[in-house]
Amino acid sequence: MIEKVLLLALTLFTVAIALSLYRLIKGPSMPDRAIALDTVGVNLVSAIAIVSVFLSTKAFLDAILILGILSFIGTISFSKYIERGVLIERKRND
């Protein structure tokens, strides 16, 4: 019974990732794309956690942590780019 629930949850997360990727590509504005990127990261972490539970292993926990950190950094840098137009600000000596 638990296997069926895990497979259903994994299927629903796969559909959610596909819809978020569509919004990431076809988003009407840049903030929509930033939110879609964050949603893809969260859903991907959740899908990997479900696979880890389904396979009864702890091998994917490191991948979940790394993916979560990279997703957070990607979302922050993308939103900073939308806000300012540059990622790294340099002070000029005039």
N, C-alpha and C. Protein backbone atom coordinates (compact mmCIF):
# COMPACT_ATOMS: atom_id res chain seq x y z
N MET A 1 0.82 -1.19 0.00
CA MET A 1 0.00 0.00 0.00
C MET A 1 0.87 1.26 0.00
N ILE A 2 1.92 1.26 0.83
CA ILE A 2 2.78 2.44 0.90
C ILE A 2 3.52 2.65 -0.41
N GLU A 3 3.83 1.56 -1.12
CA GLU A 3 4.52 1.70 -2.41
C GLU A 3 3.63 2.41 -3.43
N LYS A 4 2.34 2.10 -3.40
CA LYS A 4 1.41 2.74 -4.33
C LYS A 4 1.29 4.24 -4.04
N VAL A 5 1.25 4.58 -2.77
CA VAL A 5 1.17 6.00 -2.39
C VAL A 5 2.44 6.74 -2.80
N LEU A 6 3.60 6.12 -2.58
CA LEU A 6 4.86 6.75 -2.97
C LEU A 6 4.96 6.92 -4.49
N LEU A 7 4.52 5.91 -5.24
CA LEU A 7 4.54 6.03 -6.70
C LEU A 7 3.57 7.11 -7.19
N LEU A 8 2.40 7.21 -6.54
CA LEU A 8 1.46 8.26 -6.90
C LEU A 8 2.05 9.64 -6.61
N ALA A 9 2.68 9.78 -5.44
CA ALA A 9 3.30 11.06 -5.09
C ALA A 9 4.43 11.40 -6.05
N LEU A 10 5.22 10.41 -6.42
CA LEU A 10 6.31 10.64 -7.37
C LEU A 10 5.78 11.05 -8.74
N THR A 11 4.68 10.44 -9.16
CA THR A 11 4.05 10.81 -10.42
C THR A 11 3.53 12.24 -10.37
N LEU A 12 2.90 12.61 -9.28
CA LEU A 12 2.38 13.97 -9.15
C LEU A 12 3.51 15.01 -9.10
N PHE A 13 4.61 14.66 -8.44
CA PHE A 13 5.75 15.58 -8.44
C PHE A 13 6.36 15.71 -9.83
N THR A 14 6.35 14.63 -10.59
CA THR A 14 6.86 14.68 -11.96
C THR A 14 6.00 15.60 -12.81
N VAL A 15 4.69 15.51 -12.65
CA VAL A 15 3.78 16.40 -13.39
C VAL A 15 4.00 17.85 -12.96
N ALA A 16 4.18 18.07 -11.66
CA ALA A 16 4.41 19.43 -11.16
C ALA A 16 5.72 20.00 -11.71
N ILE A 17 6.76 19.17 -11.80
CA ILE A 17 8.03 19.62 -12.36
C ILE A 17 7.87 19.96 -13.83
N ALA A 18 7.13 19.14 -14.56
CA ALA A 18 6.91 19.41 -15.99
C ALA A 18 6.14 20.71 -16.19
N LEU A 19 5.11 20.95 -15.39
CA LEU A 19 4.36 22.20 -15.50
C LEU A 19 5.22 23.41 -15.12
N SER A 20 6.06 23.24 -14.13
CA SER A 20 6.94 24.34 -13.73
C SER A 20 8.00 24.62 -14.80
N LEU A 21 8.49 23.58 -15.46
CA LEU A 21 9.44 23.78 -16.56
C LEU A 21 8.78 24.51 -17.72
N TYR A 22 7.51 24.20 -17.98
CA TYR A 22 6.78 24.93 -19.02
C TYR A 22 6.69 26.41 -18.65
N ARG A 23 6.37 26.69 -17.37
CA ARG A 23 6.28 28.09 -16.93
C ARG A 23 7.65 28.76 -16.96
N LEU A 24 8.70 28.00 -16.71
CA LEU A 24 10.06 28.55 -16.75
C LEU A 24 10.43 28.96 -18.17
N ILE A 25 10.01 28.18 -19.15
CA ILE A 25 10.35 28.48 -20.54
C ILE A 25 9.41 29.54 -21.13
N LYS A 26 8.11 29.41 -20.89
CA LYS A 26 7.13 30.28 -21.53
C LYS A 26 6.59 31.37 -20.63
N GLY A 27 7.20 31.57 -19.48
CA GLY A 27 6.68 32.54 -18.52
C GLY A 27 6.51 33.92 -19.12
N PRO A 28 5.41 34.59 -18.78
CA PRO A 28 5.19 35.92 -19.37
C PRO A 28 6.16 36.98 -18.86
N SER A 29 6.71 36.79 -17.67
CA SER A 29 7.62 37.81 -17.14
C SER A 29 8.78 37.12 -16.41
N MET A 30 9.79 37.90 -16.11
CA MET A 30 10.96 37.36 -15.42
C MET A 30 10.66 36.91 -13.98
N PRO A 31 9.85 37.64 -13.21
CA PRO A 31 9.53 37.13 -11.87
C PRO A 31 8.79 35.78 -11.91
N ASP A 32 7.94 35.57 -12.92
CA ASP A 32 7.29 34.27 -13.07
C ASP A 32 8.32 33.17 -13.30
N ARG A 33 9.33 33.47 -14.05
CA ARG A 33 10.38 32.49 -14.31
C ARG A 33 11.20 32.21 -13.05
N ALA A 34 11.43 33.23 -12.24
CA ALA A 34 12.16 33.02 -10.99
C ALA A 34 11.38 32.13 -10.04
N ILE A 35 10.09 32.35 -9.94
CA ILE A 35 9.25 31.52 -9.08
C ILE A 35 9.19 30.09 -9.62
N ALA A 36 9.12 29.94 -10.93
CA ALA A 36 9.10 28.60 -11.53
C ALA A 36 10.41 27.87 -11.27
N LEU A 37 11.53 28.58 -11.32
CA LEU A 37 12.82 27.97 -11.04
C LEU A 37 12.88 27.47 -9.59
N ASP A 38 12.38 28.27 -8.68
CA ASP A 38 12.35 27.87 -7.27
C ASP A 38 11.42 26.67 -7.08
N THR A 39 10.29 26.67 -7.75
CA THR A 39 9.33 25.56 -7.65
C THR A 39 9.92 24.27 -8.19
N VAL A 40 10.66 24.36 -9.29
CA VAL A 40 11.32 23.17 -9.84
C VAL A 40 12.31 22.61 -8.82
N GLY A 41 13.07 23.47 -8.18
CA GLY A 41 14.05 23.01 -7.18
C GLY A 41 13.39 22.33 -6.00
N VAL A 42 12.32 22.91 -5.48
CA VAL A 42 11.63 22.33 -4.33
C VAL A 42 11.00 20.99 -4.71
N ASN A 43 10.36 20.94 -5.87
CA ASN A 43 9.74 19.68 -6.30
C ASN A 43 10.77 18.60 -6.59
N LEU A 44 11.91 18.99 -7.10
CA LEU A 44 12.97 18.02 -7.37
C LEU A 44 13.54 17.45 -6.08
N VAL A 45 13.73 18.29 -5.08
CA VAL A 45 14.19 17.81 -3.77
C VAL A 45 13.16 16.85 -3.18
N SER A 46 11.88 17.18 -3.30
CA SER A 46 10.83 16.31 -2.78
C SER A 46 10.77 14.98 -3.52
N ALA A 47 10.94 15.01 -4.84
CA ALA A 47 10.93 13.78 -5.62
C ALA A 47 12.10 12.88 -5.26
N ILE A 48 13.27 13.46 -5.05
CA ILE A 48 14.43 12.66 -4.66
C ILE A 48 14.22 12.07 -3.27
N ALA A 49 13.58 12.82 -2.37
CA ALA A 49 13.29 12.29 -1.04
C ALA A 49 12.32 11.11 -1.12
N ILE A 50 11.34 11.19 -2.00
CA ILE A 50 10.40 10.08 -2.16
C ILE A 50 11.11 8.86 -2.73
N VAL A 51 12.00 9.07 -3.69
CA VAL A 51 12.77 7.94 -4.23
C VAL A 51 13.63 7.33 -3.14
N SER A 52 14.20 8.13 -2.27
CA SER A 52 15.02 7.63 -1.18
C SER A 52 14.19 6.78 -0.21
N VAL A 53 12.99 7.23 0.10
CA VAL A 53 12.12 6.45 0.97
C VAL A 53 11.68 5.17 0.27
N PHE A 54 11.35 5.26 -1.02
CA PHE A 54 10.89 4.10 -1.77
C PHE A 54 11.97 3.03 -1.84
N LEU A 55 13.23 3.43 -2.00
CA LEU A 55 14.32 2.47 -2.08
C LEU A 55 14.91 2.11 -0.72
N SER A 56 14.42 2.72 0.34
CA SER A 56 14.88 2.49 1.72
C SER A 56 16.39 2.66 1.85
N THR A 57 16.86 3.80 1.38
CA THR A 57 18.29 4.08 1.45
C THR A 57 18.52 5.52 1.90
N LYS A 58 19.70 5.76 2.44
CA LYS A 58 20.08 7.12 2.84
C LYS A 58 21.10 7.71 1.86
N ALA A 59 21.30 7.04 0.74
CA ALA A 59 22.34 7.46 -0.20
C ALA A 59 22.01 8.79 -0.88
N PHE A 60 20.74 9.14 -0.98
CA PHE A 60 20.34 10.34 -1.70
C PHE A 60 20.29 11.58 -0.82
N LEU A 61 20.52 11.44 0.48
CA LEU A 61 20.39 12.59 1.37
C LEU A 61 21.43 13.67 1.09
N ASP A 62 22.64 13.27 0.72
CA ASP A 62 23.65 14.27 0.35
C ASP A 62 23.24 15.02 -0.92
N ALA A 63 22.68 14.29 -1.87
CA ALA A 63 22.22 14.94 -3.11
C ALA A 63 21.08 15.91 -2.83
N ILE A 64 20.21 15.56 -1.89
CA ILE A 64 19.11 16.45 -1.52
C ILE A 64 19.65 17.73 -0.92
N LEU A 65 20.64 17.63 -0.04
CA LEU A 65 21.21 18.83 0.58
C LEU A 65 21.90 19.73 -0.45
N ILE A 66 22.68 19.12 -1.31
CA ILE A 66 23.40 19.90 -2.33
C ILE A 66 22.43 20.56 -3.29
N LEU A 67 21.42 19.81 -3.73
CA LEU A 67 20.43 20.37 -4.65
C LEU A 67 19.64 21.50 -4.00
N GLY A 68 19.31 21.35 -2.73
CA GLY A 68 18.60 22.41 -2.01
C GLY A 68 19.43 23.68 -1.92
N ILE A 69 20.70 23.54 -1.61
CA ILE A 69 21.58 24.71 -1.53
C ILE A 69 21.75 25.37 -2.89
N LEU A 70 21.98 24.57 -3.92
CA LEU A 70 22.14 25.14 -5.27
C LEU A 70 20.87 25.79 -5.77
N SER A 71 19.73 25.21 -5.45
CA SER A 71 18.45 25.80 -5.85
C SER A 71 18.25 27.14 -5.16
N PHE A 72 18.59 27.21 -3.88
CA PHE A 72 18.46 28.47 -3.14
C PHE A 72 19.38 29.54 -3.72
N ILE A 73 20.62 29.18 -3.98
CA ILE A 73 21.57 30.14 -4.54
C ILE A 73 21.13 30.59 -5.93
N GLY A 74 20.63 29.66 -6.73
CA GLY A 74 20.14 30.01 -8.06
C GLY A 74 18.96 30.96 -8.02
N THR A 75 18.04 30.73 -7.11
CA THR A 75 16.87 31.60 -6.99
C THR A 75 17.28 32.99 -6.51
N ILE A 76 18.19 33.05 -5.55
CA ILE A 76 18.64 34.35 -5.05
C ILE A 76 19.37 35.14 -6.14
N SER A 77 20.25 34.48 -6.88
CA SER A 77 20.99 35.19 -7.92
C SER A 77 20.08 35.60 -9.07
N PHE A 78 19.09 34.78 -9.41
CA PHE A 78 18.16 35.12 -10.47
C PHE A 78 17.30 36.32 -10.06
N SER A 79 16.84 36.35 -8.81
CA SER A 79 16.04 37.48 -8.36
C SER A 79 16.89 38.75 -8.24
N LYS A 80 18.16 38.60 -7.87
CA LYS A 80 19.05 39.77 -7.82
C LYS A 80 19.30 40.31 -9.23
N TYR A 81 19.41 39.42 -10.19
CA TYR A 81 19.58 39.85 -11.58
C TYR A 81 18.34 40.58 -12.07
N ILE A 82 17.16 40.10 -11.71
CA ILE A 82 15.92 40.77 -12.12
C ILE A 82 15.83 42.15 -11.49
N GLU A 83 16.24 42.26 -10.23
CA GLU A 83 16.13 43.52 -9.51
C GLU A 83 17.12 44.57 -10.00
N ARG A 84 18.38 44.17 -10.19
CA ARG A 84 19.43 45.14 -10.49
C ARG A 84 19.97 45.08 -11.91
N GLY A 85 19.84 43.95 -12.57
CA GLY A 85 20.36 43.82 -13.92
C GLY A 85 21.77 43.27 -13.98
N VAL A 86 22.45 43.19 -12.84
CA VAL A 86 23.80 42.62 -12.78
C VAL A 86 23.87 41.70 -11.57
N LEU A 87 24.75 40.73 -11.62
CA LEU A 87 24.91 39.83 -10.49
C LEU A 87 26.01 40.28 -9.55
N ILE A 88 27.10 40.80 -10.13
CA ILE A 88 28.24 41.24 -9.32
C ILE A 88 28.44 42.73 -9.56
N GLU A 89 28.35 43.49 -8.49
CA GLU A 89 28.57 44.92 -8.60
C GLU A 89 30.02 45.22 -8.30
N ARG A 90 30.60 46.06 -9.13
CA ARG A 90 32.00 46.44 -8.94
C ARG A 90 32.07 47.95 -8.67
N LYS A 91 32.90 48.29 -7.72
CA LYS A 91 33.11 49.70 -7.43
C LYS A 91 34.19 50.22 -8.37
N ARG A 92 33.86 51.34 -8.97
CA ARG A 92 34.81 51.93 -9.91
C ARG A 92 35.58 53.04 -9.22
N ASN A 93 36.85 53.10 -9.50
CA ASN A 93 37.70 54.17 -8.96
C ASN A 93 37.76 55.28 -9.99
N ASP A 94 36.98 56.32 -9.78
CA ASP A 94 36.96 57.45 -10.72
C ASP A 94 37.80 58.60 -10.20
